[in-house]
Amino acid sequence: MVKLPNAKVQRFYDMLASANELIYDGVNESKLSIAIKRLAARTNRHATEKCIDHFIQMLIDVAPKDNSIPKNYCEAKNVMSSLGLEAKKK
């Protein structure tokens, strides 16, 4: 007999699946991987949110219109925190 996950576990699996969707067809980057890289750049390079958002906007501008790139720092942080992950300074 296969035991199905409870609602809380299923919600986590659904969020993880959503976070692991590719940002657009033809690339190997997911919303989660982009969010991690964005938060790491801010933390490790001491960049401002505005600076990171500027570079992400350049990426969004050249990506296909149906992309799922987190649009700003706050959205990237939400992708991480929805999975219970947080960026911590060293």
N, C-alpha and C. Protein backbone atom coordinates (compact mmCIF):
# COMPACT_ATOMS: atom_id res chain seq x y z
N MET A 1 0.84 -1.19 0.00
CA MET A 1 0.00 0.00 0.00
C MET A 1 0.89 1.25 0.00
N VAL A 2 0.64 2.15 -0.92
CA VAL A 2 1.41 3.39 -1.04
C VAL A 2 0.77 4.44 -0.14
N LYS A 3 1.61 5.01 0.71
CA LYS A 3 1.12 6.05 1.61
C LYS A 3 1.35 7.42 0.97
N LEU A 4 0.30 8.19 0.81
CA LEU A 4 0.39 9.52 0.22
C LEU A 4 0.85 10.51 1.28
N PRO A 5 1.61 11.55 0.86
CA PRO A 5 2.06 12.55 1.83
C PRO A 5 0.88 13.37 2.37
N ASN A 6 1.04 13.86 3.59
CA ASN A 6 -0.02 14.72 4.14
C ASN A 6 -0.02 16.06 3.41
N ALA A 7 -1.00 16.90 3.69
CA ALA A 7 -1.19 18.16 2.96
C ALA A 7 0.03 19.08 3.07
N LYS A 8 0.64 19.14 4.24
CA LYS A 8 1.79 20.03 4.45
C LYS A 8 2.98 19.57 3.61
N VAL A 9 3.22 18.27 3.61
CA VAL A 9 4.33 17.72 2.82
C VAL A 9 4.04 17.89 1.33
N GLN A 10 2.81 17.64 0.92
CA GLN A 10 2.44 17.80 -0.48
C GLN A 10 2.61 19.24 -0.94
N ARG A 11 2.27 20.20 -0.08
CA ARG A 11 2.43 21.63 -0.41
C ARG A 11 3.91 21.94 -0.63
N PHE A 12 4.79 21.38 0.22
CA PHE A 12 6.23 21.59 0.06
C PHE A 12 6.70 21.00 -1.26
N TYR A 13 6.26 19.77 -1.59
CA TYR A 13 6.64 19.15 -2.86
C TYR A 13 6.18 20.00 -4.04
N ASP A 14 4.98 20.55 -3.94
CA ASP A 14 4.45 21.41 -5.01
C ASP A 14 5.29 22.68 -5.16
N MET A 15 5.68 23.29 -4.03
CA MET A 15 6.51 24.50 -4.09
C MET A 15 7.88 24.17 -4.67
N LEU A 16 8.44 23.02 -4.29
CA LEU A 16 9.74 22.61 -4.80
C LEU A 16 9.67 22.36 -6.31
N ALA A 17 8.62 21.71 -6.76
CA ALA A 17 8.45 21.48 -8.20
C ALA A 17 8.33 22.80 -8.94
N SER A 18 7.58 23.75 -8.39
CA SER A 18 7.44 25.06 -9.01
C SER A 18 8.78 25.79 -9.06
N ALA A 19 9.53 25.74 -7.98
CA ALA A 19 10.83 26.42 -7.91
C ALA A 19 11.83 25.79 -8.87
N ASN A 20 11.67 24.52 -9.17
CA ASN A 20 12.60 23.82 -10.07
C ASN A 20 12.20 23.89 -11.53
N GLU A 21 11.12 24.60 -11.85
CA GLU A 21 10.75 24.79 -13.26
C GLU A 21 11.83 25.61 -13.95
N LEU A 22 12.14 25.24 -15.18
CA LEU A 22 13.13 26.00 -15.95
C LEU A 22 12.61 27.40 -16.21
N ILE A 23 13.52 28.39 -16.23
CA ILE A 23 13.09 29.77 -16.42
C ILE A 23 12.52 29.99 -17.82
N TYR A 24 12.99 29.23 -18.80
CA TYR A 24 12.38 29.17 -20.12
C TYR A 24 12.98 28.00 -20.88
N ASP A 25 12.30 27.56 -21.92
CA ASP A 25 12.76 26.39 -22.69
C ASP A 25 14.13 26.64 -23.28
N GLY A 26 14.97 25.62 -23.23
CA GLY A 26 16.28 25.69 -23.85
C GLY A 26 17.40 26.06 -22.90
N VAL A 27 17.10 26.27 -21.63
CA VAL A 27 18.15 26.59 -20.65
C VAL A 27 18.10 25.56 -19.53
N ASN A 28 19.18 25.49 -18.77
CA ASN A 28 19.24 24.56 -17.64
C ASN A 28 19.19 25.28 -16.31
N GLU A 29 18.59 26.43 -16.28
CA GLU A 29 18.46 27.21 -15.04
C GLU A 29 17.01 27.23 -14.59
N SER A 30 16.80 27.07 -13.30
CA SER A 30 15.45 27.10 -12.73
C SER A 30 15.26 28.39 -11.95
N LYS A 31 14.00 28.65 -11.55
CA LYS A 31 13.73 29.81 -10.69
C LYS A 31 14.57 29.69 -9.42
N LEU A 32 14.68 28.49 -8.89
CA LEU A 32 15.44 28.28 -7.66
C LEU A 32 16.92 28.55 -7.87
N SER A 33 17.50 28.06 -8.96
CA SER A 33 18.94 28.28 -9.19
C SER A 33 19.25 29.76 -9.41
N ILE A 34 18.36 30.46 -10.12
CA ILE A 34 18.56 31.89 -10.33
C ILE A 34 18.41 32.64 -9.01
N ALA A 35 17.44 32.26 -8.20
CA ALA A 35 17.24 32.91 -6.90
C ALA A 35 18.46 32.71 -6.02
N ILE A 36 19.00 31.51 -6.00
CA ILE A 36 20.20 31.22 -5.19
C ILE A 36 21.37 32.07 -5.66
N LYS A 37 21.58 32.12 -6.96
CA LYS A 37 22.71 32.89 -7.50
C LYS A 37 22.53 34.38 -7.22
N ARG A 38 21.30 34.86 -7.31
CA ARG A 38 21.03 36.27 -7.04
C ARG A 38 21.33 36.61 -5.58
N LEU A 39 20.84 35.79 -4.67
CA LEU A 39 21.08 36.05 -3.25
C LEU A 39 22.56 35.90 -2.91
N ALA A 40 23.22 34.93 -3.52
CA ALA A 40 24.66 34.74 -3.29
C ALA A 40 25.45 35.95 -3.78
N ALA A 41 25.08 36.49 -4.93
CA ALA A 41 25.78 37.67 -5.45
C ALA A 41 25.62 38.85 -4.51
N ARG A 42 24.44 39.03 -4.00
CA ARG A 42 24.20 40.15 -3.07
C ARG A 42 25.00 39.96 -1.80
N THR A 43 25.00 38.75 -1.25
CA THR A 43 25.68 38.48 0.01
C THR A 43 27.20 38.45 -0.15
N ASN A 44 27.68 37.71 -1.14
CA ASN A 44 29.13 37.52 -1.29
C ASN A 44 29.84 38.71 -1.90
N ARG A 45 29.13 39.50 -2.69
CA ARG A 45 29.76 40.65 -3.36
C ARG A 45 29.36 41.98 -2.73
N HIS A 46 28.56 41.92 -1.69
CA HIS A 46 28.10 43.12 -0.98
C HIS A 46 27.42 44.11 -1.92
N ALA A 47 26.67 43.57 -2.88
CA ALA A 47 25.95 44.40 -3.85
C ALA A 47 24.62 44.84 -3.25
N THR A 48 24.15 45.97 -3.68
CA THR A 48 22.84 46.45 -3.22
C THR A 48 21.73 45.71 -3.97
N GLU A 49 20.54 45.73 -3.40
CA GLU A 49 19.39 45.13 -4.08
C GLU A 49 19.18 45.80 -5.43
N LYS A 50 19.34 47.12 -5.46
CA LYS A 50 19.14 47.88 -6.69
C LYS A 50 20.12 47.42 -7.78
N CYS A 51 21.36 47.17 -7.40
CA CYS A 51 22.38 46.71 -8.35
C CYS A 51 22.02 45.32 -8.89
N ILE A 52 21.67 44.41 -8.01
CA ILE A 52 21.30 43.06 -8.42
C ILE A 52 20.06 43.10 -9.31
N ASP A 53 19.06 43.90 -8.93
CA ASP A 53 17.84 44.03 -9.74
C ASP A 53 18.16 44.57 -11.13
N HIS A 54 19.12 45.49 -11.23
CA HIS A 54 19.51 46.06 -12.52
C HIS A 54 20.04 44.97 -13.44
N PHE A 55 20.93 44.12 -12.94
CA PHE A 55 21.50 43.06 -13.76
C PHE A 55 20.46 42.00 -14.12
N ILE A 56 19.57 41.69 -13.21
CA ILE A 56 18.51 40.73 -13.51
C ILE A 56 17.57 41.31 -14.58
N GLN A 57 17.30 42.61 -14.52
CA GLN A 57 16.44 43.23 -15.53
C GLN A 57 17.07 43.11 -16.91
N MET A 58 18.40 43.23 -16.99
CA MET A 58 19.08 43.04 -18.28
C MET A 58 18.87 41.61 -18.78
N LEU A 59 18.92 40.62 -17.88
CA LEU A 59 18.68 39.24 -18.26
C LEU A 59 17.24 39.06 -18.73
N ILE A 60 16.31 39.63 -18.00
CA ILE A 60 14.89 39.54 -18.37
C ILE A 60 14.64 40.16 -19.73
N ASP A 61 15.31 41.28 -20.01
CA ASP A 61 15.13 41.99 -21.28
C ASP A 61 15.54 41.14 -22.49
N VAL A 62 16.51 40.25 -22.34
CA VAL A 62 16.97 39.43 -23.47
C VAL A 62 16.37 38.03 -23.46
N ALA A 63 15.66 37.68 -22.41
CA ALA A 63 15.02 36.35 -22.31
C ALA A 63 13.69 36.36 -23.06
N PRO A 64 13.21 35.19 -23.45
CA PRO A 64 11.88 35.13 -24.06
C PRO A 64 10.83 35.72 -23.12
N LYS A 65 9.77 36.24 -23.68
CA LYS A 65 8.73 36.92 -22.89
C LYS A 65 8.04 35.99 -21.90
N ASP A 66 7.97 34.70 -22.19
CA ASP A 66 7.29 33.77 -21.29
C ASP A 66 8.23 33.14 -20.26
N ASN A 67 9.21 33.91 -19.80
CA ASN A 67 10.17 33.39 -18.83
C ASN A 67 9.60 33.42 -17.41
N SER A 68 10.23 32.68 -16.52
CA SER A 68 9.81 32.68 -15.12
C SER A 68 10.95 33.13 -14.20
N ILE A 69 11.77 34.03 -14.70
CA ILE A 69 12.87 34.58 -13.91
C ILE A 69 12.28 35.44 -12.79
N PRO A 70 12.71 35.22 -11.54
CA PRO A 70 12.23 36.10 -10.46
C PRO A 70 12.54 37.55 -10.83
N LYS A 71 11.53 38.42 -10.79
CA LYS A 71 11.62 39.76 -11.35
C LYS A 71 12.44 40.74 -10.51
N ASN A 72 12.60 40.47 -9.23
CA ASN A 72 13.38 41.37 -8.37
C ASN A 72 13.91 40.59 -7.18
N TYR A 73 14.72 41.26 -6.39
CA TYR A 73 15.36 40.63 -5.23
C TYR A 73 14.34 40.05 -4.28
N CYS A 74 13.28 40.79 -4.03
CA CYS A 74 12.25 40.34 -3.09
C CYS A 74 11.59 39.05 -3.58
N GLU A 75 11.31 38.96 -4.87
CA GLU A 75 10.70 37.75 -5.43
C GLU A 75 11.66 36.57 -5.33
N ALA A 76 12.94 36.80 -5.56
CA ALA A 76 13.94 35.73 -5.42
C ALA A 76 14.01 35.25 -3.97
N LYS A 77 13.98 36.19 -3.06
CA LYS A 77 14.01 35.84 -1.64
C LYS A 77 12.77 35.03 -1.26
N ASN A 78 11.62 35.36 -1.83
CA ASN A 78 10.39 34.62 -1.56
C ASN A 78 10.46 33.19 -2.07
N VAL A 79 11.11 32.97 -3.23
CA VAL A 79 11.29 31.62 -3.75
C VAL A 79 12.05 30.78 -2.72
N MET A 80 13.10 31.36 -2.18
CA MET A 80 13.93 30.65 -1.20
C MET A 80 13.18 30.43 0.10
N SER A 81 12.57 31.48 0.62
CA SER A 81 11.94 31.37 1.94
C SER A 81 10.71 30.47 1.90
N SER A 82 10.04 30.35 0.76
CA SER A 82 8.89 29.45 0.66
C SER A 82 9.31 28.00 0.87
N LEU A 83 10.59 27.70 0.61
CA LEU A 83 11.12 26.36 0.80
C LEU A 83 11.81 26.21 2.15
N GLY A 84 11.77 27.26 2.96
CA GLY A 84 12.41 27.20 4.27
C GLY A 84 13.90 27.47 4.22
N LEU A 85 14.37 28.06 3.11
CA LEU A 85 15.78 28.37 2.94
C LEU A 85 15.99 29.86 3.14
N GLU A 86 17.11 30.22 3.75
CA GLU A 86 17.42 31.62 3.97
C GLU A 86 18.87 31.89 3.61
N ALA A 87 19.15 33.11 3.16
CA ALA A 87 20.52 33.54 2.92
C ALA A 87 21.06 34.10 4.22
N LYS A 88 22.23 33.64 4.60
CA LYS A 88 22.86 34.13 5.81
C LYS A 88 24.23 34.67 5.48
N LYS A 89 24.56 35.81 6.07
CA LYS A 89 25.89 36.39 5.86
C LYS A 89 26.91 35.57 6.61
N LYS A 90 28.11 35.46 6.01
CA LYS A 90 29.22 34.72 6.62
C LYS A 90 29.81 35.49 7.77
